[in-house]
Amino acid sequence: MSKAILSFVCFILLSNQVLANELLVISGKNSKNSKKWQEEVYQEFIPSGVERISVKIVTIEADKFPKWITQAMKEERMGEILGTPTFIIWDEVSKKELGRLEGYTEKSRFYSQLDQAILQISQGHRPGRREGSGGHQEEGSGENQRQEEGSGGMSQDIMDHIYKTPEEAKRASEMLGLGGQIHSHETPQGIIYMPGSTM
């Protein structure tokens, strides 16, 4: 009997916590993937979990963030925003980031990763996986594994291949066997180019 009561109390506390959370969508004004998410997901957005999470879209242009976001990043209540769209699960009570998803490719993958992120948060983890990253747990986690050409091999991890010019990305795409296909992302620091096509 006491286990049932404890389980019920935990469920109520968790439900109240979920209700206090908000999905902040950091959307680039000219970001194709941000627009794609809004067209494919936003109008029908209902996570498959028990409770709904409210959605707030914050549109940015280049590296111009609202003051409250700049302050949250400065105080380390929110991580750096490297590109758009970035989906931040925000604790509205504590005013801090609980986890995030970065990038958008397709609706089913987005819902799956959002459900997984909410589950991880409920278990005390802080998801920061970049969508399509092959499982990086932290932002930029491929940075320490980056290999220079001619150093004995080229990293096969696509997240280790971010370039400033389309020519560099095309060269890497060919070396990775992706047929020279590339795609781009708008970031606050400017456009970046990566090997491979978007999904």
N, C-alpha and C. Protein backbone atom coordinates (compact mmCIF):
# COMPACT_ATOMS: atom_id res chain seq x y z
N MET A 1 0.82 -1.19 0.00
CA MET A 1 0.00 0.00 0.00
C MET A 1 0.87 1.26 0.00
N SER A 2 1.93 1.26 0.84
CA SER A 2 2.78 2.45 0.92
C SER A 2 3.54 2.67 -0.40
N LYS A 3 3.89 1.58 -1.13
CA LYS A 3 4.56 1.73 -2.43
C LYS A 3 3.62 2.40 -3.42
N ALA A 4 2.35 2.04 -3.38
CA ALA A 4 1.38 2.64 -4.29
C ALA A 4 1.23 4.13 -4.01
N ILE A 5 1.18 4.49 -2.74
CA ILE A 5 1.05 5.91 -2.36
C ILE A 5 2.30 6.67 -2.79
N LEU A 6 3.48 6.09 -2.54
CA LEU A 6 4.74 6.74 -2.93
C LEU A 6 4.79 6.93 -4.44
N SER A 7 4.39 5.91 -5.20
CA SER A 7 4.38 6.01 -6.66
C SER A 7 3.45 7.11 -7.12
N PHE A 8 2.27 7.21 -6.49
CA PHE A 8 1.30 8.23 -6.85
C PHE A 8 1.85 9.63 -6.56
N VAL A 9 2.48 9.80 -5.41
CA VAL A 9 3.06 11.10 -5.04
C VAL A 9 4.16 11.48 -6.04
N CYS A 10 5.02 10.53 -6.40
CA CYS A 10 6.09 10.80 -7.37
C CYS A 10 5.50 11.20 -8.72
N PHE A 11 4.42 10.50 -9.13
CA PHE A 11 3.76 10.81 -10.40
C PHE A 11 3.21 12.24 -10.38
N ILE A 12 2.57 12.62 -9.29
CA ILE A 12 2.00 13.97 -9.17
C ILE A 12 3.10 15.02 -9.22
N LEU A 13 4.20 14.78 -8.49
CA LEU A 13 5.31 15.73 -8.49
C LEU A 13 5.91 15.87 -9.88
N LEU A 14 6.10 14.74 -10.56
CA LEU A 14 6.66 14.76 -11.91
C LEU A 14 5.71 15.46 -12.87
N SER A 15 4.42 15.20 -12.75
CA SER A 15 3.44 15.86 -13.61
C SER A 15 3.46 17.36 -13.42
N ASN A 16 3.54 17.81 -12.17
CA ASN A 16 3.61 19.24 -11.90
C ASN A 16 4.88 19.84 -12.48
N GLN A 17 6.00 19.09 -12.41
CA GLN A 17 7.25 19.58 -12.98
C GLN A 17 7.12 19.72 -14.49
N VAL A 18 6.50 18.72 -15.16
CA VAL A 18 6.32 18.78 -16.61
C VAL A 18 5.49 20.00 -16.98
N LEU A 19 4.44 20.28 -16.19
CA LEU A 19 3.60 21.44 -16.47
C LEU A 19 4.37 22.75 -16.35
N ALA A 20 5.43 22.77 -15.55
CA ALA A 20 6.23 23.98 -15.36
C ALA A 20 7.26 24.15 -16.47
N ASN A 21 7.40 23.15 -17.34
CA ASN A 21 8.39 23.21 -18.40
C ASN A 21 7.78 23.78 -19.67
N GLU A 22 8.67 24.36 -20.48
CA GLU A 22 8.27 24.98 -21.72
C GLU A 22 9.29 24.59 -22.78
N LEU A 23 8.85 24.42 -24.01
CA LEU A 23 9.76 24.15 -25.10
C LEU A 23 10.04 25.48 -25.79
N LEU A 24 11.27 25.97 -25.62
CA LEU A 24 11.70 27.19 -26.31
C LEU A 24 12.26 26.78 -27.66
N VAL A 25 11.72 27.32 -28.71
CA VAL A 25 12.20 27.03 -30.06
C VAL A 25 12.97 28.26 -30.53
N ILE A 26 14.30 28.14 -30.55
CA ILE A 26 15.14 29.23 -31.03
C ILE A 26 15.19 29.07 -32.55
N SER A 27 14.54 29.98 -33.24
CA SER A 27 14.30 29.86 -34.67
C SER A 27 15.01 30.98 -35.42
N GLY A 28 15.83 30.62 -36.39
CA GLY A 28 16.50 31.63 -37.21
C GLY A 28 15.52 32.27 -38.18
N LYS A 29 15.58 33.57 -38.29
CA LYS A 29 14.65 34.30 -39.16
C LYS A 29 14.67 33.76 -40.59
N ASN A 30 15.85 33.39 -41.08
CA ASN A 30 15.99 32.89 -42.45
C ASN A 30 16.34 31.41 -42.51
N SER A 31 16.18 30.69 -41.41
CA SER A 31 16.56 29.27 -41.34
C SER A 31 15.53 28.39 -42.04
N LYS A 32 15.98 27.66 -43.07
CA LYS A 32 15.08 26.76 -43.79
C LYS A 32 14.55 25.66 -42.88
N ASN A 33 15.41 25.11 -42.02
CA ASN A 33 14.97 24.03 -41.14
C ASN A 33 14.03 24.53 -40.05
N SER A 34 14.20 25.77 -39.60
CA SER A 34 13.25 26.34 -38.64
C SER A 34 11.88 26.48 -39.28
N LYS A 35 11.85 26.95 -40.52
CA LYS A 35 10.57 27.10 -41.24
C LYS A 35 9.95 25.73 -41.49
N LYS A 36 10.78 24.76 -41.83
CA LYS A 36 10.28 23.40 -42.08
C LYS A 36 9.63 22.84 -40.81
N TRP A 37 10.26 23.04 -39.63
CA TRP A 37 9.68 22.57 -38.37
C TRP A 37 8.34 23.25 -38.11
N GLN A 38 8.28 24.56 -38.34
CA GLN A 38 7.02 25.27 -38.11
C GLN A 38 5.91 24.76 -39.02
N GLU A 39 6.24 24.45 -40.27
CA GLU A 39 5.24 23.94 -41.21
C GLU A 39 4.82 22.51 -40.88
N GLU A 40 5.77 21.67 -40.49
CA GLU A 40 5.48 20.25 -40.30
C GLU A 40 5.01 19.89 -38.89
N VAL A 41 5.44 20.64 -37.89
CA VAL A 41 5.20 20.22 -36.51
C VAL A 41 4.39 21.22 -35.69
N TYR A 42 4.72 22.48 -35.77
CA TYR A 42 4.19 23.47 -34.83
C TYR A 42 2.66 23.48 -34.74
N GLN A 43 1.98 23.46 -35.87
CA GLN A 43 0.51 23.56 -35.85
C GLN A 43 -0.16 22.38 -35.16
N GLU A 44 0.48 21.23 -35.15
CA GLU A 44 -0.13 20.04 -34.55
C GLU A 44 0.65 19.54 -33.34
N PHE A 45 1.48 20.37 -32.76
CA PHE A 45 2.41 19.93 -31.73
C PHE A 45 1.70 19.43 -30.48
N ILE A 46 1.83 18.12 -30.24
CA ILE A 46 1.35 17.49 -29.01
C ILE A 46 2.30 16.33 -28.74
N PRO A 47 3.19 16.47 -27.76
CA PRO A 47 4.08 15.36 -27.44
C PRO A 47 3.27 14.13 -27.03
N SER A 48 3.81 12.97 -27.21
CA SER A 48 3.08 11.73 -26.91
C SER A 48 3.01 11.44 -25.42
N GLY A 49 3.67 12.25 -24.59
CA GLY A 49 3.62 12.03 -23.15
C GLY A 49 2.26 12.35 -22.57
N VAL A 50 2.10 12.14 -21.27
CA VAL A 50 0.83 12.34 -20.59
C VAL A 50 0.44 13.81 -20.58
N GLU A 51 1.38 14.67 -20.31
CA GLU A 51 1.09 16.10 -20.18
C GLU A 51 1.62 16.85 -21.40
N ARG A 52 0.99 17.95 -21.70
CA ARG A 52 1.47 18.81 -22.78
C ARG A 52 2.58 19.70 -22.24
N ILE A 53 3.45 20.09 -23.14
CA ILE A 53 4.49 21.06 -22.80
C ILE A 53 4.20 22.27 -23.70
N SER A 54 4.14 23.44 -23.12
CA SER A 54 3.83 24.62 -23.93
C SER A 54 5.02 24.97 -24.81
N VAL A 55 4.75 25.64 -25.92
CA VAL A 55 5.77 25.98 -26.90
C VAL A 55 5.86 27.49 -27.04
N LYS A 56 7.08 27.99 -27.05
CA LYS A 56 7.31 29.42 -27.27
C LYS A 56 8.39 29.54 -28.34
N ILE A 57 8.07 30.19 -29.45
CA ILE A 57 9.04 30.39 -30.52
C ILE A 57 9.74 31.73 -30.32
N VAL A 58 11.07 31.69 -30.31
CA VAL A 58 11.88 32.90 -30.17
C VAL A 58 12.66 33.04 -31.48
N THR A 59 12.28 34.02 -32.29
CA THR A 59 12.93 34.22 -33.58
C THR A 59 14.14 35.14 -33.40
N ILE A 60 15.27 34.68 -33.95
CA ILE A 60 16.49 35.49 -33.85
C ILE A 60 17.00 35.79 -35.25
N GLU A 61 17.80 36.83 -35.36
CA GLU A 61 18.46 37.17 -36.60
C GLU A 61 19.95 37.30 -36.30
N ALA A 62 20.74 36.47 -37.00
CA ALA A 62 22.19 36.39 -36.76
C ALA A 62 22.43 36.06 -35.29
N ASP A 63 23.23 36.87 -34.59
CA ASP A 63 23.52 36.58 -33.18
C ASP A 63 22.80 37.56 -32.25
N LYS A 64 21.67 38.08 -32.67
CA LYS A 64 20.91 39.03 -31.86
C LYS A 64 19.83 38.28 -31.08
N PHE A 65 20.12 38.03 -29.81
CA PHE A 65 19.20 37.31 -28.93
C PHE A 65 18.45 38.30 -28.04
N PRO A 66 17.24 37.93 -27.60
CA PRO A 66 16.57 38.76 -26.59
C PRO A 66 17.45 38.86 -25.34
N LYS A 67 17.32 39.96 -24.61
CA LYS A 67 18.17 40.19 -23.44
C LYS A 67 18.06 39.07 -22.41
N TRP A 68 16.87 38.53 -22.20
CA TRP A 68 16.71 37.49 -21.18
C TRP A 68 17.46 36.21 -21.56
N ILE A 69 17.58 35.92 -22.86
CA ILE A 69 18.35 34.75 -23.30
C ILE A 69 19.84 35.02 -23.13
N THR A 70 20.29 36.21 -23.52
CA THR A 70 21.70 36.58 -23.35
C THR A 70 22.09 36.49 -21.88
N GLN A 71 21.22 36.99 -21.00
CA GLN A 71 21.48 36.95 -19.56
C GLN A 71 21.53 35.50 -19.06
N ALA A 72 20.60 34.67 -19.52
CA ALA A 72 20.58 33.26 -19.09
C ALA A 72 21.85 32.54 -19.53
N MET A 73 22.35 32.84 -20.75
CA MET A 73 23.60 32.22 -21.21
C MET A 73 24.78 32.73 -20.39
N LYS A 74 24.79 34.02 -20.11
CA LYS A 74 25.88 34.62 -19.32
C LYS A 74 25.94 34.00 -17.93
N GLU A 75 24.77 33.75 -17.33
CA GLU A 75 24.69 33.16 -15.99
C GLU A 75 24.75 31.63 -16.01
N GLU A 76 24.97 31.07 -17.20
CA GLU A 76 25.09 29.62 -17.39
C GLU A 76 23.82 28.87 -16.98
N ARG A 77 22.67 29.52 -17.13
CA ARG A 77 21.39 28.85 -16.93
C ARG A 77 20.91 28.27 -18.25
N MET A 78 21.56 28.68 -19.34
CA MET A 78 21.26 28.19 -20.68
C MET A 78 22.58 28.05 -21.41
N GLY A 79 22.72 26.95 -22.15
CA GLY A 79 23.94 26.73 -22.93
C GLY A 79 23.98 27.62 -24.16
N GLU A 80 25.14 27.65 -24.79
CA GLU A 80 25.34 28.44 -26.00
C GLU A 80 24.45 27.93 -27.12
N ILE A 81 23.95 28.82 -27.92
CA ILE A 81 23.12 28.46 -29.07
C ILE A 81 24.01 28.54 -30.30
N LEU A 82 24.24 27.38 -30.92
CA LEU A 82 25.18 27.30 -32.02
C LEU A 82 24.52 27.36 -33.38
N GLY A 83 23.24 27.07 -33.47
CA GLY A 83 22.54 27.08 -34.74
C GLY A 83 21.04 26.99 -34.51
N THR A 84 20.30 27.12 -35.61
CA THR A 84 18.84 27.05 -35.49
C THR A 84 18.30 26.00 -36.44
N PRO A 85 17.21 25.38 -36.08
CA PRO A 85 16.48 25.56 -34.83
C PRO A 85 17.16 24.83 -33.67
N THR A 86 17.05 25.40 -32.50
CA THR A 86 17.46 24.76 -31.25
C THR A 86 16.23 24.68 -30.37
N PHE A 87 15.96 23.49 -29.84
CA PHE A 87 14.78 23.25 -29.01
C PHE A 87 15.25 23.07 -27.57
N ILE A 88 14.94 24.03 -26.72
CA ILE A 88 15.39 24.01 -25.33
C ILE A 88 14.22 23.68 -24.42
N ILE A 89 14.38 22.64 -23.62
CA ILE A 89 13.37 22.33 -22.61
C ILE A 89 13.72 23.19 -21.41
N TRP A 90 12.85 24.15 -21.13
CA TRP A 90 13.11 25.24 -20.20
C TRP A 90 12.25 25.07 -18.96
N ASP A 91 12.88 25.11 -17.80
CA ASP A 91 12.16 25.07 -16.53
C ASP A 91 11.71 26.49 -16.23
N GLU A 92 10.42 26.74 -16.37
CA GLU A 92 9.87 28.08 -16.20
C GLU A 92 9.91 28.53 -14.74
N VAL A 93 9.96 27.59 -13.80
CA VAL A 93 10.02 27.93 -12.38
C VAL A 93 11.44 28.35 -12.00
N SER A 94 12.43 27.51 -12.33
CA SER A 94 13.83 27.79 -11.99
C SER A 94 14.52 28.68 -13.01
N LYS A 95 13.86 28.93 -14.13
CA LYS A 95 14.41 29.77 -15.20
C LYS A 95 15.76 29.25 -15.67
N LYS A 96 15.79 27.92 -16.04
CA LYS A 96 17.03 27.34 -16.53
C LYS A 96 16.74 26.23 -17.53
N GLU A 97 17.75 25.95 -18.36
CA GLU A 97 17.66 24.89 -19.35
C GLU A 97 17.77 23.54 -18.67
N LEU A 98 16.87 22.62 -19.06
CA LEU A 98 16.94 21.25 -18.55
C LEU A 98 17.56 20.31 -19.57
N GLY A 99 17.44 20.64 -20.83
CA GLY A 99 17.97 19.81 -21.90
C GLY A 99 17.64 20.45 -23.23
N ARG A 100 18.14 19.84 -24.30
CA ARG A 100 17.92 20.43 -25.62
C ARG A 100 18.04 19.42 -26.74
N LEU A 101 17.48 19.80 -27.86
CA LEU A 101 17.67 19.14 -29.15
C LEU A 101 18.15 20.22 -30.09
N GLU A 102 19.01 19.87 -31.01
CA GLU A 102 19.50 20.86 -31.97
C GLU A 102 19.27 20.35 -33.38
N GLY A 103 18.73 21.20 -34.22
CA GLY A 103 18.49 20.85 -35.61
C GLY A 103 17.14 20.17 -35.81
N TYR A 104 16.72 20.14 -37.06
CA TYR A 104 15.46 19.47 -37.41
C TYR A 104 15.61 18.86 -38.78
N THR A 105 15.18 17.61 -38.91
CA THR A 105 15.20 16.95 -40.20
C THR A 105 13.82 16.45 -40.59
N GLU A 106 13.15 15.75 -39.66
CA GLU A 106 11.82 15.22 -39.98
C GLU A 106 10.98 15.08 -38.72
N LYS A 107 9.67 15.11 -38.90
CA LYS A 107 8.72 15.14 -37.79
C LYS A 107 8.84 13.92 -36.88
N SER A 108 8.86 12.72 -37.43
CA SER A 108 8.89 11.52 -36.58
C SER A 108 10.15 11.47 -35.73
N ARG A 109 11.28 11.86 -36.30
CA ARG A 109 12.54 11.86 -35.54
C ARG A 109 12.48 12.91 -34.43
N PHE A 110 11.92 14.07 -34.73
CA PHE A 110 11.79 15.13 -33.73
C PHE A 110 10.97 14.65 -32.53
N TYR A 111 9.79 14.07 -32.80
CA TYR A 111 8.94 13.60 -31.70
C TYR A 111 9.64 12.52 -30.89
N SER A 112 10.31 11.60 -31.57
CA SER A 112 11.01 10.52 -30.88
C SER A 112 12.10 11.08 -29.97
N GLN A 113 12.89 12.01 -30.49
CA GLN A 113 13.98 12.57 -29.69
C GLN A 113 13.47 13.46 -28.57
N LEU A 114 12.37 14.17 -28.80
CA LEU A 114 11.79 14.99 -27.74
C LEU A 114 11.26 14.11 -26.61
N ASP A 115 10.55 13.03 -26.97
CA ASP A 115 10.05 12.11 -25.95
C ASP A 115 11.21 11.53 -25.14
N GLN A 116 12.29 11.16 -25.84
CA GLN A 116 13.47 10.60 -25.17
C GLN A 116 14.11 11.64 -24.25
N ALA A 117 14.19 12.89 -24.71
CA ALA A 117 14.79 13.95 -23.88
C ALA A 117 13.96 14.18 -22.62
N ILE A 118 12.63 14.21 -22.75
CA ILE A 118 11.77 14.40 -21.58
C ILE A 118 11.93 13.25 -20.61
N LEU A 119 12.04 12.03 -21.14
CA LEU A 119 12.27 10.86 -20.28
C LEU A 119 13.60 10.99 -19.55
N GLN A 120 14.66 11.39 -20.27
CA GLN A 120 15.98 11.54 -19.65
C GLN A 120 15.94 12.60 -18.55
N ILE A 121 15.23 13.69 -18.79
CA ILE A 121 15.12 14.75 -17.78
C ILE A 121 14.42 14.20 -16.54
N SER A 122 13.36 13.41 -16.74
CA SER A 122 12.63 12.85 -15.60
C SER A 122 13.51 11.90 -14.79
N GLN A 123 14.57 11.37 -15.42
CA GLN A 123 15.50 10.47 -14.74
C GLN A 123 16.73 11.21 -14.20
N GLY A 124 16.70 12.53 -14.27
CA GLY A 124 17.79 13.33 -13.71
C GLY A 124 18.93 13.61 -14.66
N HIS A 125 18.78 13.28 -15.94
CA HIS A 125 19.83 13.54 -16.93
C HIS A 125 19.58 14.88 -17.61
N ARG A 126 20.60 15.33 -18.34
CA ARG A 126 20.49 16.60 -19.07
C ARG A 126 20.83 16.36 -20.54
N PRO A 127 19.82 16.01 -21.33
CA PRO A 127 20.10 15.70 -22.73
C PRO A 127 20.53 16.94 -23.51
N GLY A 128 21.55 16.77 -24.33
CA GLY A 128 22.02 17.87 -25.16
C GLY A 128 22.40 17.37 -26.53
N ARG A 129 21.70 16.38 -26.97
CA ARG A 129 22.03 15.69 -28.22
C ARG A 129 21.64 16.54 -29.42
N ARG A 130 22.54 16.62 -30.36
CA ARG A 130 22.27 17.31 -31.62
C ARG A 130 21.57 16.31 -32.53
N GLU A 131 20.41 16.69 -33.09
CA GLU A 131 19.63 15.76 -33.90
C GLU A 131 20.47 15.26 -35.06
N GLY A 132 20.46 13.95 -35.26
CA GLY A 132 21.20 13.35 -36.34
C GLY A 132 22.68 13.20 -36.06
N SER A 133 23.09 13.36 -34.80
CA SER A 133 24.51 13.35 -34.48
C SER A 133 25.07 11.96 -34.25
N GLY A 134 24.23 10.96 -34.28
CA GLY A 134 24.72 9.62 -34.02
C GLY A 134 24.98 9.37 -32.56
N GLY A 135 24.39 10.17 -31.69
CA GLY A 135 24.45 9.86 -30.27
C GLY A 135 25.39 10.68 -29.43
N HIS A 136 25.88 11.83 -29.93
CA HIS A 136 26.68 12.69 -29.06
C HIS A 136 25.82 13.07 -27.87
N GLN A 137 26.35 12.93 -26.68
CA GLN A 137 25.58 13.28 -25.50
C GLN A 137 25.74 14.74 -25.12
N GLU A 138 26.83 15.34 -25.49
CA GLU A 138 27.06 16.75 -25.15
C GLU A 138 27.28 17.52 -26.44
N GLU A 139 26.94 18.79 -26.42
CA GLU A 139 27.19 19.63 -27.57
C GLU A 139 28.67 19.61 -27.91
N GLY A 140 28.95 19.51 -29.19
CA GLY A 140 30.33 19.61 -29.63
C GLY A 140 31.22 18.49 -29.12
N SER A 141 30.62 17.37 -28.73
CA SER A 141 31.43 16.32 -28.11
C SER A 141 32.41 15.71 -29.09
N GLY A 142 32.22 15.94 -30.39
CA GLY A 142 33.17 15.42 -31.36
C GLY A 142 34.42 16.26 -31.46
N GLU A 143 34.41 17.41 -30.85
CA GLU A 143 35.53 18.35 -30.96
C GLU A 143 36.85 17.73 -30.55
N ASN A 144 36.88 16.97 -29.47
CA ASN A 144 38.13 16.39 -28.99
C ASN A 144 38.60 15.23 -29.85
N GLN A 145 37.73 14.72 -30.71
CA GLN A 145 38.09 13.58 -31.53
C GLN A 145 38.42 13.99 -32.96
N ARG A 146 38.37 15.27 -33.25
CA ARG A 146 38.57 15.75 -34.60
C ARG A 146 39.97 15.37 -35.09
N GLN A 147 40.04 14.90 -36.34
CA GLN A 147 41.31 14.50 -36.90
C GLN A 147 41.63 15.38 -38.09
N GLU A 148 42.86 15.74 -38.23
CA GLU A 148 43.29 16.52 -39.38
C GLU A 148 43.54 15.57 -40.54
N GLU A 149 43.32 16.06 -41.77
CA GLU A 149 43.62 15.24 -42.93
C GLU A 149 45.10 14.89 -42.91
N GLY A 150 45.40 13.66 -43.27
CA GLY A 150 46.77 13.22 -43.28
C GLY A 150 47.29 12.78 -41.93
N SER A 151 46.44 12.76 -40.91
CA SER A 151 46.90 12.36 -39.58
C SER A 151 46.62 10.89 -39.32
N GLY A 152 46.47 10.12 -40.40
CA GLY A 152 46.24 8.69 -40.20
C GLY A 152 44.79 8.30 -40.40
N GLY A 153 43.95 9.22 -40.79
CA GLY A 153 42.56 8.87 -41.05
C GLY A 153 41.65 10.06 -40.89
N MET A 154 40.51 9.97 -41.55
CA MET A 154 39.52 11.04 -41.47
C MET A 154 38.36 10.54 -40.63
N SER A 155 37.93 11.33 -39.68
CA SER A 155 36.81 10.95 -38.83
C SER A 155 35.59 10.66 -39.68
N GLN A 156 34.90 9.58 -39.38
CA GLN A 156 33.67 9.24 -40.08
C GLN A 156 32.45 9.87 -39.42
N ASP A 157 32.65 10.54 -38.31
CA ASP A 157 31.55 11.19 -37.60
C ASP A 157 31.23 12.51 -38.29
N ILE A 158 30.04 12.59 -38.86
CA ILE A 158 29.65 13.77 -39.63
C ILE A 158 29.72 15.05 -38.81
N MET A 159 29.52 14.96 -37.49
CA MET A 159 29.54 16.15 -36.64
C MET A 159 30.96 16.70 -36.46
N ASP A 160 31.95 15.95 -36.91
CA ASP A 160 33.32 16.45 -36.87
C ASP A 160 33.67 17.22 -38.15
N HIS A 161 32.69 17.39 -39.02
CA HIS A 161 32.94 18.02 -40.31
C HIS A 161 32.01 19.22 -40.50
N ILE A 162 32.42 20.33 -39.93
CA ILE A 162 31.70 21.59 -40.07
C ILE A 162 32.67 22.57 -40.72
N TYR A 163 32.24 23.17 -41.84
CA TYR A 163 33.15 24.00 -42.63
C TYR A 163 32.56 25.39 -42.88
N LYS A 164 33.46 26.33 -43.16
CA LYS A 164 33.05 27.71 -43.41
C LYS A 164 32.72 27.97 -44.87
N THR A 165 33.19 27.08 -45.77
CA THR A 165 32.90 27.28 -47.20
C THR A 165 32.27 26.03 -47.79
N PRO A 166 31.45 26.20 -48.83
CA PRO A 166 30.84 25.03 -49.47
C PRO A 166 31.89 24.13 -50.13
N GLU A 167 32.98 24.74 -50.60
CA GLU A 167 34.03 23.95 -51.26
C GLU A 167 34.67 22.95 -50.29
N GLU A 168 34.95 23.41 -49.06
CA GLU A 168 35.54 22.52 -48.06
C GLU A 168 34.58 21.37 -47.72
N ALA A 169 33.31 21.71 -47.57
CA ALA A 169 32.31 20.69 -47.24
C ALA A 169 32.16 19.68 -48.38
N LYS A 170 32.21 20.16 -49.63
CA LYS A 170 32.09 19.26 -50.78
C LYS A 170 33.28 18.30 -50.83
N ARG A 171 34.48 18.83 -50.59
CA ARG A 171 35.68 17.98 -50.58
C ARG A 171 35.55 16.89 -49.51
N ALA A 172 35.09 17.28 -48.31
CA ALA A 172 34.90 16.30 -47.23
C ALA A 172 33.82 15.30 -47.60
N SER A 173 32.75 15.77 -48.23
CA SER A 173 31.66 14.89 -48.64
C SER A 173 32.17 13.81 -49.60
N GLU A 174 33.01 14.21 -50.53
CA GLU A 174 33.58 13.25 -51.48
C GLU A 174 34.49 12.26 -50.76
N MET A 175 35.31 12.75 -49.82
CA MET A 175 36.21 11.86 -49.08
C MET A 175 35.45 10.89 -48.18
N LEU A 176 34.28 11.32 -47.69
CA LEU A 176 33.47 10.46 -46.82
C LEU A 176 32.55 9.53 -47.62
N GLY A 177 32.62 9.62 -48.94
CA GLY A 177 31.79 8.76 -49.77
C GLY A 177 30.34 9.20 -49.86
N LEU A 178 30.09 10.50 -49.71
CA LEU A 178 28.73 11.02 -49.75
C LEU A 178 28.40 11.68 -51.09
N GLY A 179 29.24 11.44 -52.08
CA GLY A 179 28.96 11.90 -53.43
C GLY A 179 29.03 13.40 -53.65
N GLY A 180 29.70 14.11 -52.76
CA GLY A 180 29.83 15.55 -52.94
C GLY A 180 28.63 16.36 -52.49
N GLN A 181 27.62 15.69 -51.93
CA GLN A 181 26.44 16.41 -51.46
C GLN A 181 26.76 17.17 -50.18
N ILE A 182 26.21 18.38 -50.07
CA ILE A 182 26.42 19.19 -48.87
C ILE A 182 25.10 19.85 -48.47
N HIS A 183 25.07 20.36 -47.26
CA HIS A 183 23.94 21.17 -46.79
C HIS A 183 24.48 22.25 -45.88
N SER A 184 23.64 23.23 -45.57
CA SER A 184 24.09 24.36 -44.75
C SER A 184 23.14 24.60 -43.60
N HIS A 185 23.65 25.30 -42.59
CA HIS A 185 22.87 25.71 -41.42
C HIS A 185 23.20 27.16 -41.12
N GLU A 186 22.17 27.91 -40.77
CA GLU A 186 22.38 29.28 -40.33
C GLU A 186 22.68 29.25 -38.84
N THR A 187 23.78 29.86 -38.43
CA THR A 187 24.14 29.95 -37.02
C THR A 187 24.30 31.42 -36.65
N PRO A 188 24.32 31.74 -35.38
CA PRO A 188 24.55 33.14 -34.99
C PRO A 188 25.87 33.69 -35.52
N GLN A 189 26.85 32.80 -35.76
CA GLN A 189 28.16 33.24 -36.24
C GLN A 189 28.22 33.28 -37.77
N GLY A 190 27.17 32.89 -38.46
CA GLY A 190 27.15 32.86 -39.91
C GLY A 190 26.75 31.48 -40.41
N ILE A 191 26.79 31.29 -41.71
CA ILE A 191 26.39 30.02 -42.31
C ILE A 191 27.53 29.02 -42.20
N ILE A 192 27.19 27.78 -41.83
CA ILE A 192 28.16 26.69 -41.81
C ILE A 192 27.73 25.66 -42.85
N TYR A 193 28.70 24.90 -43.34
CA TYR A 193 28.45 23.90 -44.37
C TYR A 193 28.90 22.55 -43.86
N MET A 194 28.12 21.51 -44.21
CA MET A 194 28.43 20.16 -43.76
C MET A 194 28.26 19.19 -44.92
N PRO A 195 29.02 18.08 -44.90
CA PRO A 195 28.86 17.06 -45.93
C PRO A 195 27.51 16.36 -45.80
N GLY A 196 27.01 15.83 -46.92
CA GLY A 196 25.78 15.05 -46.91
C GLY A 196 24.56 15.92 -47.14
N SER A 197 23.47 15.26 -47.50
CA SER A 197 22.22 16.00 -47.72
C SER A 197 21.43 16.02 -46.43
N THR A 198 20.48 16.95 -46.34
CA THR A 198 19.57 16.92 -45.20
C THR A 198 18.58 15.81 -45.46
N MET A 199 17.98 15.31 -44.39
CA MET A 199 17.07 14.17 -44.55
C MET A 199 15.73 14.59 -45.06
